[in-house]
């Protein structure tokens, strides 16, 4: 099983979502950005590193959500480890993805999400509904 982190990056009431490029698996689907843990790396350190490498921005992981175990059609299994993160600075510069958006919470369900990200999206929206009620 491959451990993969993902960041729900919040800034001014919006969340950063990224669209996978045509060269990536699951092309053109939307996801929370992140990446694989390296040996002896903490989840938080991996996430900060991956976001800096892929998007050229600084983040701070704040709250860990429930991990998602996802099996792809080729039987690859990942553990997707999501964190709600605070945006700390920098301008988004895409190195792997096709596109990005700072989305409102009400628009998040409109994207064509990667299957592994859907449970993360649902838990995040449910959490936000209860904390903002």
Protein backbone atom coordinates (compact mmCIF):
# COMPACT_ATOMS: atom_id res chain seq x y z
CA UNK A 1 0.00 0.00 0.00
CA UNK A 2 1.30 3.44 -0.96
CA UNK A 3 0.78 6.29 1.51
CA UNK A 4 -0.25 9.53 -0.20
CA UNK A 5 -1.03 12.84 1.49
CA UNK A 6 -3.40 15.49 0.18
CA UNK A 7 -4.02 19.09 1.20
CA UNK A 8 -7.31 20.89 1.55
CA UNK A 9 -5.75 24.35 1.41
CA UNK A 10 -8.00 27.08 2.77
CA UNK A 11 -7.64 30.78 2.06
CA UNK A 12 -10.25 33.52 2.56
CA UNK A 13 -13.20 31.12 2.54
CA UNK A 14 -12.00 29.27 -0.56
CA UNK A 15 -10.25 25.93 -1.15
CA UNK A 16 -7.52 25.16 -3.67
CA UNK A 17 -8.37 22.33 -6.08
CA UNK A 18 -6.15 21.07 -8.89
CA UNK A 19 -6.89 19.38 -12.20
CA UNK A 20 -4.66 16.49 -13.26
CA UNK A 21 -2.86 16.86 -16.59
CA UNK A 22 -3.34 14.63 -19.60
CA UNK A 23 -0.01 12.92 -18.85
CA UNK A 24 -1.08 11.81 -15.36
CA UNK A 25 -3.17 8.79 -14.43
CA UNK A 26 -6.83 9.76 -14.11
CA UNK A 27 -6.29 12.59 -16.62
CA UNK A 28 -8.28 15.82 -16.28
CA UNK A 29 -10.00 14.80 -13.04
CA UNK A 30 -9.86 17.18 -10.08
CA UNK A 31 -8.17 16.47 -6.78
CA UNK A 32 -6.76 17.91 -3.62
CA UNK A 33 -3.03 18.29 -4.34
CA UNK A 34 -0.42 16.23 -2.52
CA UNK A 35 1.89 13.29 -3.03
CA UNK A 36 3.65 10.20 -1.75
CA UNK A 37 5.48 9.93 1.52
CA UNK A 38 9.20 9.27 1.30
CA UNK A 39 10.87 6.80 3.72
CA UNK A 40 11.13 8.17 7.29
CA UNK A 41 9.07 11.25 6.40
CA UNK A 42 6.13 12.39 8.52
CA UNK A 43 2.75 12.91 6.87
CA UNK A 44 2.91 16.64 7.53
CA UNK A 45 6.47 17.00 6.21
CA UNK A 46 5.57 15.08 3.04
CA UNK A 47 2.58 17.31 2.44
CA UNK A 48 4.51 20.56 2.93
CA UNK A 49 7.28 19.28 0.60
CA UNK A 50 4.92 18.04 -2.11
CA UNK A 51 2.87 21.25 -2.18
CA UNK A 52 6.06 23.32 -2.43
CA UNK A 53 7.34 21.10 -5.28
CA UNK A 54 4.06 20.90 -7.23
CA UNK A 55 2.53 24.33 -6.62
CA UNK A 56 5.35 26.53 -5.27
CA UNK A 57 3.31 27.66 -2.26
CA UNK A 58 3.81 27.34 1.49
CA UNK A 59 1.19 25.65 3.66
CA UNK A 60 0.70 24.61 7.26
CA UNK A 61 -1.17 21.35 7.98
CA UNK A 62 -3.74 22.08 10.70
CA UNK A 63 -6.16 19.16 11.04
CA UNK A 64 -6.01 15.55 9.81
CA UNK A 65 -9.17 14.03 8.37
CA UNK A 66 -9.97 10.32 8.00
CA UNK A 67 -7.68 8.33 5.70
CA UNK A 68 -9.20 6.73 2.62
CA UNK A 69 -8.10 3.32 1.36
CA UNK A 70 -8.59 3.26 -2.41
CA UNK A 71 -7.98 0.43 -4.86
CA UNK A 72 -7.44 1.40 -8.50
CA UNK A 73 -8.58 -0.79 -11.44
CA UNK A 74 -4.98 -2.10 -11.81
CA UNK A 75 -5.13 -3.24 -8.13
CA UNK A 76 -2.77 -0.51 -6.91
CA UNK A 77 -3.84 0.36 -3.35
CA UNK A 78 -3.24 3.74 -1.74
CA UNK A 79 -3.94 5.21 1.65
CA UNK A 80 -4.96 8.82 0.99
CA UNK A 81 -4.19 10.93 4.06
CA UNK A 82 -5.98 14.29 3.97
CA UNK A 83 -5.15 17.40 5.96
CA UNK A 84 -6.96 20.71 6.20
CA UNK A 85 -4.17 23.24 5.66
CA UNK A 86 -3.62 26.95 6.08
CA UNK A 87 -2.22 28.82 3.07
CA UNK A 88 0.93 30.63 4.21
CA UNK A 89 2.13 32.33 1.03
CA UNK A 90 3.48 32.19 -2.49
CA UNK A 91 1.93 32.33 -5.93
CA UNK A 92 0.60 29.09 -7.40
CA UNK A 93 2.88 27.83 -10.16
CA UNK A 94 1.84 24.52 -11.72
CA UNK A 95 4.59 21.96 -12.40
CA UNK A 96 2.46 18.83 -12.90
CA UNK A 97 -1.19 19.81 -12.99
CA UNK A 98 -3.20 21.23 -15.89
CA UNK A 99 -5.18 23.81 -13.95
CA UNK A 100 -6.20 25.02 -10.50
CA UNK A 101 -9.05 26.95 -8.92
CA UNK A 102 -9.70 28.63 -5.61
CA UNK A 103 -13.20 27.21 -5.17
CA UNK A 104 -16.00 28.26 -2.87
CA UNK A 105 -17.37 25.52 -0.63
CA UNK A 106 -20.67 25.64 -2.49
CA UNK A 107 -18.91 24.92 -5.82
CA UNK A 108 -16.75 21.99 -4.68
CA UNK A 109 -19.30 19.33 -5.66
CA UNK A 110 -19.38 20.66 -9.25
CA UNK A 111 -15.93 19.30 -10.13
CA UNK A 112 -15.27 15.91 -11.73
CA UNK A 113 -13.27 14.45 -8.80
CA UNK A 114 -10.80 11.58 -8.68
CA UNK A 115 -12.63 8.69 -6.99
CA UNK A 116 -10.24 8.55 -4.00
CA UNK A 117 -10.88 12.25 -3.24
CA UNK A 118 -14.68 11.96 -3.08
CA UNK A 119 -14.84 10.59 0.52
CA UNK A 120 -12.38 13.34 1.55
CA UNK A 121 -14.59 15.97 -0.09
CA UNK A 122 -17.69 14.62 1.64
CA UNK A 123 -16.07 14.52 5.09
CA UNK A 124 -14.67 18.03 4.62
CA UNK A 125 -18.03 19.49 3.56
CA UNK A 126 -19.81 17.75 6.44
CA UNK A 127 -17.23 19.10 8.91
CA UNK A 128 -17.59 22.61 7.48
CA UNK A 129 -21.37 22.42 7.65
CA UNK A 130 -21.21 21.59 11.37
CA UNK A 131 -18.47 24.10 12.27
CA UNK A 132 -20.10 26.97 10.35
CA UNK A 133 -23.65 26.26 11.52
